[in-house]
Amino acid sequence: MNYEIRFSKLAAKDIKTLSPKLKEKVKNILIEVISENPHAGKKLLGELSQNFSYRINLKDRLVYSIEEENKIVYIKRARTHYGQ
């Protein structure tokens, strides 16, 4: 069963700032990878330990959490999480 994808306001804003090519890449990642197997991303540590990260490009990542009970993935960021 596929997971439902939901976006935070910040993630939606992040995606709007991406180039058309990266927007298409994010769409494909969400459909083909995250909605099928959200645990494919890297489990984060520290303050973000309840989240996962999936690489979009060299510097940008999708940062998301998973609600297993309802099969929902919450996309929190779609840019770098390294403080840039």
PDB file of N, CA and C in Angstrom:
ATOM      1  N   MET A   1       0.837  -1.193   0.000  1.00  0.00           N
ATOM      2  CA  MET A   1       0.000   0.000   0.000  1.00  0.00           C
ATOM      3  C   MET A   1       0.878   1.252   0.000  1.00  0.00           C
ATOM      4  N   ASN A   2       0.579   2.174  -0.873  1.00  0.00           N
ATOM      5  CA  ASN A   2       1.339   3.417  -0.946  1.00  0.00           C
ATOM      6  C   ASN A   2       1.001   4.338   0.212  1.00  0.00           C
ATOM      7  N   TYR A   3       1.974   5.136   0.580  1.00  0.00           N
ATOM      8  CA  TYR A   3       1.784   6.141   1.619  1.00  0.00           C
ATOM      9  C   TYR A   3       1.252   7.423   0.990  1.00  0.00           C
ATOM     10  N   GLU A   4       0.394   8.121   1.723  1.00  0.00           N
ATOM     11  CA  GLU A   4      -0.075   9.431   1.292  1.00  0.00           C
ATOM     12  C   GLU A   4       1.032  10.439   1.580  1.00  0.00           C
ATOM     13  N   ILE A   5       1.219  11.401   0.690  1.00  0.00           N
ATOM     14  CA  ILE A   5       2.229  12.436   0.861  1.00  0.00           C
ATOM     15  C   ILE A   5       1.539  13.746   1.213  1.00  0.00           C
ATOM     16  N   ARG A   6       1.998  14.390   2.292  1.00  0.00           N
ATOM     17  CA  ARG A   6       1.496  15.706   2.678  1.00  0.00           C
ATOM     18  C   ARG A   6       2.685  16.646   2.855  1.00  0.00           C
ATOM     19  N   PHE A   7       2.454  17.927   2.554  1.00  0.00           N
ATOM     20  CA  PHE A   7       3.531  18.924   2.597  1.00  0.00           C
ATOM     21  C   PHE A   7       3.269  19.970   3.669  1.00  0.00           C
ATOM     22  N   SER A   8       4.322  20.356   4.387  1.00  0.00           N
ATOM     23  CA  SER A   8       4.229  21.516   5.278  1.00  0.00           C
ATOM     24  C   SER A   8       4.233  22.771   4.403  1.00  0.00           C
ATOM     25  N   LYS A   9       3.819  23.887   4.961  1.00  0.00           N
ATOM     26  CA  LYS A   9       3.854  25.154   4.209  1.00  0.00           C
ATOM     27  C   LYS A   9       5.283  25.475   3.788  1.00  0.00           C
ATOM     28  N   LEU A  10       6.236  25.195   4.673  1.00  0.00           N
ATOM     29  CA  LEU A  10       7.641  25.476   4.374  1.00  0.00           C
ATOM     30  C   LEU A  10       8.148  24.597   3.230  1.00  0.00           C
ATOM     31  N   ALA A  11       7.770  23.331   3.228  1.00  0.00           N
ATOM     32  CA  ALA A  11       8.193  22.437   2.139  1.00  0.00           C
ATOM     33  C   ALA A  11       7.581  22.874   0.807  1.00  0.00           C
ATOM     34  N   ALA A  12       6.313  23.271   0.835  1.00  0.00           N
ATOM     35  CA  ALA A  12       5.664  23.746  -0.397  1.00  0.00           C
ATOM     36  C   ALA A  12       6.379  24.990  -0.924  1.00  0.00           C
ATOM     37  N   LYS A  13       6.767  25.874  -0.022  1.00  0.00           N
ATOM     38  CA  LYS A  13       7.509  27.082  -0.402  1.00  0.00           C
ATOM     39  C   LYS A  13       8.881  26.706  -0.980  1.00  0.00           C
ATOM     40  N   ASP A  14       9.545  25.755  -0.330  1.00  0.00           N
ATOM     41  CA  ASP A  14      10.847  25.279  -0.827  1.00  0.00           C
ATOM     42  C   ASP A  14      10.723  24.764  -2.262  1.00  0.00           C
ATOM     43  N   ILE A  15       9.712  23.961  -2.517  1.00  0.00           N
ATOM     44  CA  ILE A  15       9.540  23.350  -3.838  1.00  0.00           C
ATOM     45  C   ILE A  15       9.286  24.413  -4.898  1.00  0.00           C
ATOM     46  N   LYS A  16       8.529  25.448  -4.542  1.00  0.00           N
ATOM     47  CA  LYS A  16       8.265  26.526  -5.506  1.00  0.00           C
ATOM     48  C   LYS A  16       9.548  27.208  -5.966  1.00  0.00           C
ATOM     49  N   THR A  17      10.592  27.217  -5.120  1.00  0.00           N
ATOM     50  CA  THR A  17      11.847  27.890  -5.461  1.00  0.00           C
ATOM     51  C   THR A  17      12.793  27.012  -6.284  1.00  0.00           C
ATOM     52  N   LEU A  18      12.470  25.731  -6.434  1.00  0.00           N
ATOM     53  CA  LEU A  18      13.337  24.831  -7.196  1.00  0.00           C
ATOM     54  C   LEU A  18      13.188  25.067  -8.695  1.00  0.00           C
ATOM     55  N   SER A  19      14.214  24.713  -9.431  1.00  0.00           N
ATOM     56  CA  SER A  19      14.157  24.803 -10.894  1.00  0.00           C
ATOM     57  C   SER A  19      13.137  23.783 -11.412  1.00  0.00           C
ATOM     58  N   PRO A  20      12.602  23.988 -12.624  1.00  0.00           N
ATOM     59  CA  PRO A  20      11.656  23.008 -13.190  1.00  0.00           C
ATOM     60  C   PRO A  20      12.224  21.585 -13.234  1.00  0.00           C
ATOM     61  N   LYS A  21      13.506  21.463 -13.537  1.00  0.00           N
ATOM     62  CA  LYS A  21      14.147  20.149 -13.590  1.00  0.00           C
ATOM     63  C   LYS A  21      14.136  19.477 -12.210  1.00  0.00           C
ATOM     64  N   LEU A  22      14.463  20.260 -11.161  1.00  0.00           N
ATOM     65  CA  LEU A  22      14.463  19.699  -9.811  1.00  0.00           C
ATOM     66  C   LEU A  22      13.054  19.404  -9.321  1.00  0.00           C
ATOM     67  N   LYS A  23      12.082  20.237  -9.704  1.00  0.00           N
ATOM     68  CA  LYS A  23      10.683  19.966  -9.343  1.00  0.00           C
ATOM     69  C   LYS A  23      10.256  18.617  -9.899  1.00  0.00           C
ATOM     70  N   GLU A  24      10.615  18.349 -11.144  1.00  0.00           N
ATOM     71  CA  GLU A  24      10.279  17.064 -11.770  1.00  0.00           C
ATOM     72  C   GLU A  24      10.978  15.920 -11.051  1.00  0.00           C
ATOM     73  N   LYS A  25      12.223  16.130 -10.660  1.00  0.00           N
ATOM     74  CA  LYS A  25      12.968  15.100  -9.935  1.00  0.00           C
ATOM     75  C   LYS A  25      12.304  14.811  -8.589  1.00  0.00           C
ATOM     76  N   VAL A  26      11.890  15.870  -7.870  1.00  0.00           N
ATOM     77  CA  VAL A  26      11.211  15.700  -6.579  1.00  0.00           C
ATOM     78  C   VAL A  26       9.912  14.917  -6.777  1.00  0.00           C
ATOM     79  N   LYS A  27       9.161  15.280  -7.794  1.00  0.00           N
ATOM     80  CA  LYS A  27       7.904  14.577  -8.087  1.00  0.00           C
ATOM     81  C   LYS A  27       8.162  13.086  -8.301  1.00  0.00           C
ATOM     82  N   ASN A  28       9.172  12.769  -9.096  1.00  0.00           N
ATOM     83  CA  ASN A  28       9.502  11.369  -9.365  1.00  0.00           C
ATOM     84  C   ASN A  28       9.956  10.638  -8.108  1.00  0.00           C
ATOM     85  N   ILE A  29      10.762  11.292  -7.283  1.00  0.00           N
ATOM     86  CA  ILE A  29      11.220  10.686  -6.027  1.00  0.00           C
ATOM     87  C   ILE A  29      10.023  10.386  -5.126  1.00  0.00           C
ATOM     88  N   LEU A  30       9.112  11.346  -5.021  1.00  0.00           N
ATOM     89  CA  LEU A  30       7.943  11.162  -4.156  1.00  0.00           C
ATOM     90  C   LEU A  30       7.062  10.014  -4.636  1.00  0.00           C
ATOM     91  N   ILE A  31       6.832   9.945  -5.944  1.00  0.00           N
ATOM     92  CA  ILE A  31       5.945   8.918  -6.498  1.00  0.00           C
ATOM     93  C   ILE A  31       6.606   7.541  -6.518  1.00  0.00           C
ATOM     94  N   GLU A  32       7.850   7.493  -6.991  1.00  0.00           N
ATOM     95  CA  GLU A  32       8.500   6.202  -7.239  1.00  0.00           C
ATOM     96  C   GLU A  32       9.241   5.634  -6.032  1.00  0.00           C
ATOM     97  N   VAL A  33       9.640   6.485  -5.089  1.00  0.00           N
ATOM     98  CA  VAL A  33      10.440   6.001  -3.962  1.00  0.00           C
ATOM     99  C   VAL A  33       9.717   6.200  -2.630  1.00  0.00           C
ATOM    100  N   ILE A  34       9.490   7.451  -2.244  1.00  0.00           N
ATOM    101  CA  ILE A  34       8.989   7.762  -0.901  1.00  0.00           C
ATOM    102  C   ILE A  34       7.597   7.173  -0.650  1.00  0.00           C
ATOM    103  N   SER A  35       6.673   7.322  -1.610  1.00  0.00           N
ATOM    104  CA  SER A  35       5.324   6.795  -1.383  1.00  0.00           C
ATOM    105  C   SER A  35       5.307   5.263  -1.340  1.00  0.00           C
ATOM    106  N   GLU A  36       6.272   4.635  -1.999  1.00  0.00           N
ATOM    107  CA  GLU A  36       6.368   3.173  -2.013  1.00  0.00           C
ATOM    108  C   GLU A  36       7.097   2.630  -0.784  1.00  0.00           C
ATOM    109  N   ASN A  37       8.204   3.276  -0.438  1.00  0.00           N
ATOM    110  CA  ASN A  37       9.038   2.810   0.671  1.00  0.00           C
ATOM    111  C   ASN A  37       9.677   4.009   1.369  1.00  0.00           C
ATOM    112  N   PRO A  38       8.959   4.663   2.272  1.00  0.00           N
ATOM    113  CA  PRO A  38       9.508   5.865   2.909  1.00  0.00           C
ATOM    114  C   PRO A  38      10.764   5.610   3.747  1.00  0.00           C
ATOM    115  N   HIS A  39      11.000   4.364   4.112  1.00  0.00           N
ATOM    116  CA  HIS A  39      12.203   4.048   4.883  1.00  0.00           C
ATOM    117  C   HIS A  39      13.450   3.972   4.000  1.00  0.00           C
ATOM    118  N   ALA A  40      13.303   4.243   2.698  1.00  0.00           N
ATOM    119  CA  ALA A  40      14.449   4.262   1.779  1.00  0.00           C
ATOM    120  C   ALA A  40      15.381   5.425   2.099  1.00  0.00           C
ATOM    121  N   GLY A  41      14.857   6.461   2.737  1.00  0.00           N
ATOM    122  CA  GLY A  41      15.676   7.610   3.110  1.00  0.00           C
ATOM    123  C   GLY A  41      16.575   7.294   4.293  1.00  0.00           C
ATOM    124  N   LYS A  42      17.476   8.215   4.553  1.00  0.00           N
ATOM    125  CA  LYS A  42      18.420   8.063   5.661  1.00  0.00           C
ATOM    126  C   LYS A  42      17.780   8.569   6.950  1.00  0.00           C
ATOM    127  N   LYS A  43      17.823   7.773   8.002  1.00  0.00           N
ATOM    128  CA  LYS A  43      17.320   8.177   9.317  1.00  0.00           C
ATOM    129  C   LYS A  43      18.262   9.239   9.876  1.00  0.00           C
ATOM    130  N   LEU A  44      17.698  10.363  10.300  1.00  0.00           N
ATOM    131  CA  LEU A  44      18.511  11.462  10.805  1.00  0.00           C
ATOM    132  C   LEU A  44      18.786  11.303  12.292  1.00  0.00           C
ATOM    133  N   LEU A  45      19.757  12.069  12.770  1.00  0.00           N
ATOM    134  CA  LEU A  45      20.200  12.003  14.170  1.00  0.00           C
ATOM    135  C   LEU A  45      19.967  13.326  14.879  1.00  0.00           C
ATOM    136  N   GLY A  46      20.170  13.348  16.162  1.00  0.00           N
ATOM    137  CA  GLY A  46      20.092  14.586  16.946  1.00  0.00           C
ATOM    138  C   GLY A  46      18.692  15.150  17.000  1.00  0.00           C
ATOM    139  N   GLU A  47      18.590  16.480  16.831  1.00  0.00           N
ATOM    140  CA  GLU A  47      17.298  17.164  16.904  1.00  0.00           C
ATOM    141  C   GLU A  47      16.312  16.669  15.847  1.00  0.00           C
ATOM    142  N   LEU A  48      16.817  16.148  14.747  1.00  0.00           N
ATOM    143  CA  LEU A  48      15.970  15.676  13.652  1.00  0.00           C
ATOM    144  C   LEU A  48      15.777  14.158  13.681  1.00  0.00           C
ATOM    145  N   SER A  49      15.998  13.531  14.828  1.00  0.00           N
ATOM    146  CA  SER A  49      16.025  12.073  14.912  1.00  0.00           C
ATOM    147  C   SER A  49      14.703  11.387  14.579  1.00  0.00           C
ATOM    148  N   GLN A  50      13.611  12.103  14.585  1.00  0.00           N
ATOM    149  CA  GLN A  50      12.318  11.507  14.222  1.00  0.00           C
ATOM    150  C   GLN A  50      12.040  11.655  12.722  1.00  0.00           C
ATOM    151  N   ASN A  51      13.038  12.091  11.968  1.00  0.00           N
ATOM    152  CA  ASN A  51      12.877  12.377  10.545  1.00  0.00           C
ATOM    153  C   ASN A  51      13.810  11.546   9.685  1.00  0.00           C
ATOM    154  N   PHE A  52      13.498  11.553   8.395  1.00  0.00           N
ATOM    155  CA  PHE A  52      14.317  10.899   7.385  1.00  0.00           C
ATOM    156  C   PHE A  52      14.736  11.947   6.362  1.00  0.00           C
ATOM    157  N   SER A  53      15.784  11.627   5.607  1.00  0.00           N
ATOM    158  CA  SER A  53      16.287  12.523   4.582  1.00  0.00           C
ATOM    159  C   SER A  53      16.503  11.726   3.299  1.00  0.00           C
ATOM    160  N   TYR A  54      16.133  12.337   2.173  1.00  0.00           N
ATOM    161  CA  TYR A  54      16.375  11.705   0.869  1.00  0.00           C
ATOM    162  C   TYR A  54      16.998  12.749  -0.040  1.00  0.00           C
ATOM    163  N   ARG A  55      18.117  12.416  -0.647  1.00  0.00           N
ATOM    164  CA  ARG A  55      18.884  13.361  -1.457  1.00  0.00           C
ATOM    165  C   ARG A  55      18.150  13.725  -2.749  1.00  0.00           C
ATOM    166  N   ILE A  56      18.022  15.049  -3.001  1.00  0.00           N
ATOM    167  CA  ILE A  56      17.488  15.552  -4.270  1.00  0.00           C
ATOM    168  C   ILE A  56      18.644  15.794  -5.233  1.00  0.00           C
ATOM    169  N   ASN A  57      19.669  16.499  -4.734  1.00  0.00           N
ATOM    170  CA  ASN A  57      20.892  16.755  -5.496  1.00  0.00           C
ATOM    171  C   ASN A  57      22.038  16.855  -4.499  1.00  0.00           C
ATOM    172  N   LEU A  58      23.161  17.399  -4.916  1.00  0.00           N
ATOM    173  CA  LEU A  58      24.335  17.429  -4.041  1.00  0.00           C
ATOM    174  C   LEU A  58      24.091  18.139  -2.720  1.00  0.00           C
ATOM    175  N   LYS A  59      23.314  19.247  -2.735  1.00  0.00           N
ATOM    176  CA  LYS A  59      23.119  19.990  -1.480  1.00  0.00           C
ATOM    177  C   LYS A  59      21.705  19.920  -0.913  1.00  0.00           C
ATOM    178  N   ASP A  60      20.708  19.634  -1.732  1.00  0.00           N
ATOM    179  CA  ASP A  60      19.322  19.665  -1.265  1.00  0.00           C
ATOM    180  C   ASP A  60      18.789  18.282  -0.918  1.00  0.00           C
ATOM    181  N   ARG A  61      17.928  18.263   0.094  1.00  0.00           N
ATOM    182  CA  ARG A  61      17.343  17.017   0.581  1.00  0.00           C
ATOM    183  C   ARG A  61      15.852  17.207   0.823  1.00  0.00           C
ATOM    184  N   LEU A  62      15.114  16.119   0.738  1.00  0.00           N
ATOM    185  CA  LEU A  62      13.759  16.079   1.261  1.00  0.00           C
ATOM    186  C   LEU A  62      13.890  15.627   2.708  1.00  0.00           C
ATOM    187  N   VAL A  63      13.335  16.370   3.628  1.00  0.00           N
ATOM    188  CA  VAL A  63      13.320  15.977   5.034  1.00  0.00           C
ATOM    189  C   VAL A  63      11.868  15.685   5.372  1.00  0.00           C
ATOM    190  N   TYR A  64      11.621  14.497   5.927  1.00  0.00           N
ATOM    191  CA  TYR A  64      10.247  14.076   6.153  1.00  0.00           C
ATOM    192  C   TYR A  64      10.128  13.154   7.363  1.00  0.00           C
ATOM    193  N   SER A  65       8.899  13.047   7.845  1.00  0.00           N
ATOM    194  CA  SER A  65       8.592  12.102   8.917  1.00  0.00           C
ATOM    195  C   SER A  65       7.524  11.143   8.403  1.00  0.00           C
ATOM    196  N   ILE A  66       7.387  10.031   9.096  1.00  0.00           N
ATOM    197  CA  ILE A  66       6.466   8.980   8.676  1.00  0.00           C
ATOM    198  C   ILE A  66       5.474   8.704   9.801  1.00  0.00           C
ATOM    199  N   GLU A  67       4.198   8.696   9.450  1.00  0.00           N
ATOM    200  CA  GLU A  67       3.155   8.269  10.384  1.00  0.00           C
ATOM    201  C   GLU A  67       2.693   6.893   9.918  1.00  0.00           C
ATOM    202  N   GLU A  68       3.254   5.859  10.525  1.00  0.00           N
ATOM    203  CA  GLU A  68       3.006   4.479  10.089  1.00  0.00           C
ATOM    204  C   GLU A  68       1.546   4.077  10.214  1.00  0.00           C
ATOM    205  N   GLU A  69       0.934   4.454  11.312  1.00  0.00           N
ATOM    206  CA  GLU A  69      -0.439   4.024  11.595  1.00  0.00           C
ATOM    207  C   GLU A  69      -1.415   4.382  10.474  1.00  0.00           C
ATOM    208  N   ASN A  70      -1.282   5.612   9.946  1.00  0.00           N
ATOM    209  CA  ASN A  70      -2.186   6.082   8.894  1.00  0.00           C
ATOM    210  C   ASN A  70      -1.558   6.086   7.503  1.00  0.00           C
ATOM    211  N   LYS A  71      -0.322   5.562   7.396  1.00  0.00           N
ATOM    212  CA  LYS A  71       0.393   5.499   6.118  1.00  0.00           C
ATOM    213  C   LYS A  71       0.512   6.880   5.468  1.00  0.00           C
ATOM    214  N   ILE A  72       1.039   7.846   6.251  1.00  0.00           N
ATOM    215  CA  ILE A  72       1.221   9.219   5.769  1.00  0.00           C
ATOM    216  C   ILE A  72       2.686   9.617   5.914  1.00  0.00           C
ATOM    217  N   VAL A  73       3.221  10.254   4.880  1.00  0.00           N
ATOM    218  CA  VAL A  73       4.558  10.842   4.925  1.00  0.00           C
ATOM    219  C   VAL A  73       4.378  12.355   4.911  1.00  0.00           C
ATOM    220  N   TYR A  74       4.974  13.020   5.891  1.00  0.00           N
ATOM    221  CA  TYR A  74       4.910  14.476   5.988  1.00  0.00           C
ATOM    222  C   TYR A  74       6.231  15.061   5.501  1.00  0.00           C
ATOM    223  N   ILE A  75       6.196  15.745   4.359  1.00  0.00           N
ATOM    224  CA  ILE A  75       7.390  16.399   3.831  1.00  0.00           C
ATOM    225  C   ILE A  75       7.540  17.725   4.571  1.00  0.00           C
ATOM    226  N   LYS A  76       8.669  17.892   5.262  1.00  0.00           N
ATOM    227  CA  LYS A  76       8.887  19.087   6.087  1.00  0.00           C
ATOM    228  C   LYS A  76       9.751  20.134   5.397  1.00  0.00           C
ATOM    229  N   ARG A  77      10.733  19.678   4.632  1.00  0.00           N
ATOM    230  CA  ARG A  77      11.622  20.587   3.904  1.00  0.00           C
ATOM    231  C   ARG A  77      11.971  19.950   2.567  1.00  0.00           C
ATOM    232  N   ALA A  78      12.296  20.807   1.611  1.00  0.00           N
ATOM    233  CA  ALA A  78      12.734  20.318   0.302  1.00  0.00           C
ATOM    234  C   ALA A  78      13.939  21.133  -0.144  1.00  0.00           C
ATOM    235  N   ARG A  79      14.757  21.491   0.787  1.00  0.00           N
ATOM    236  CA  ARG A  79      15.997  22.237   0.523  1.00  0.00           C
ATOM    237  C   ARG A  79      17.067  21.675   1.445  1.00  0.00           C
ATOM    238  N   THR A  80      18.161  22.353   1.529  1.00  0.00           N
ATOM    239  CA  THR A  80      19.234  21.897   2.405  1.00  0.00           C
ATOM    240  C   THR A  80      18.799  21.947   3.862  1.00  0.00           C
ATOM    241  N   HIS A  81      19.290  21.040   4.649  1.00  0.00           N
ATOM    242  CA  HIS A  81      19.064  21.094   6.092  1.00  0.00           C
ATOM    243  C   HIS A  81      20.386  21.323   6.817  1.00  0.00           C
ATOM    244  N   TYR A  82      21.335  21.896   6.093  1.00  0.00           N
ATOM    245  CA  TYR A  82      22.662  22.149   6.646  1.00  0.00           C
ATOM    246  C   TYR A  82      22.867  23.613   7.027  1.00  0.00           C
ATOM    247  N   GLY A  83      21.795  24.378   7.155  1.00  0.00           N
ATOM    248  CA  GLY A  83      21.894  25.736   7.658  1.00  0.00           C
ATOM    249  C   GLY A  83      22.266  26.793   6.660  1.00  0.00           C
ATOM    250  N   GLN A  84      22.126  26.529   5.359  1.00  0.00           N
ATOM    251  CA  GLN A  84      22.466  27.533   4.356  1.00  0.00           C
ATOM    252  C   GLN A  84      21.340  28.482   4.117  1.00  0.00           C
TER     253      GLN A  84
END
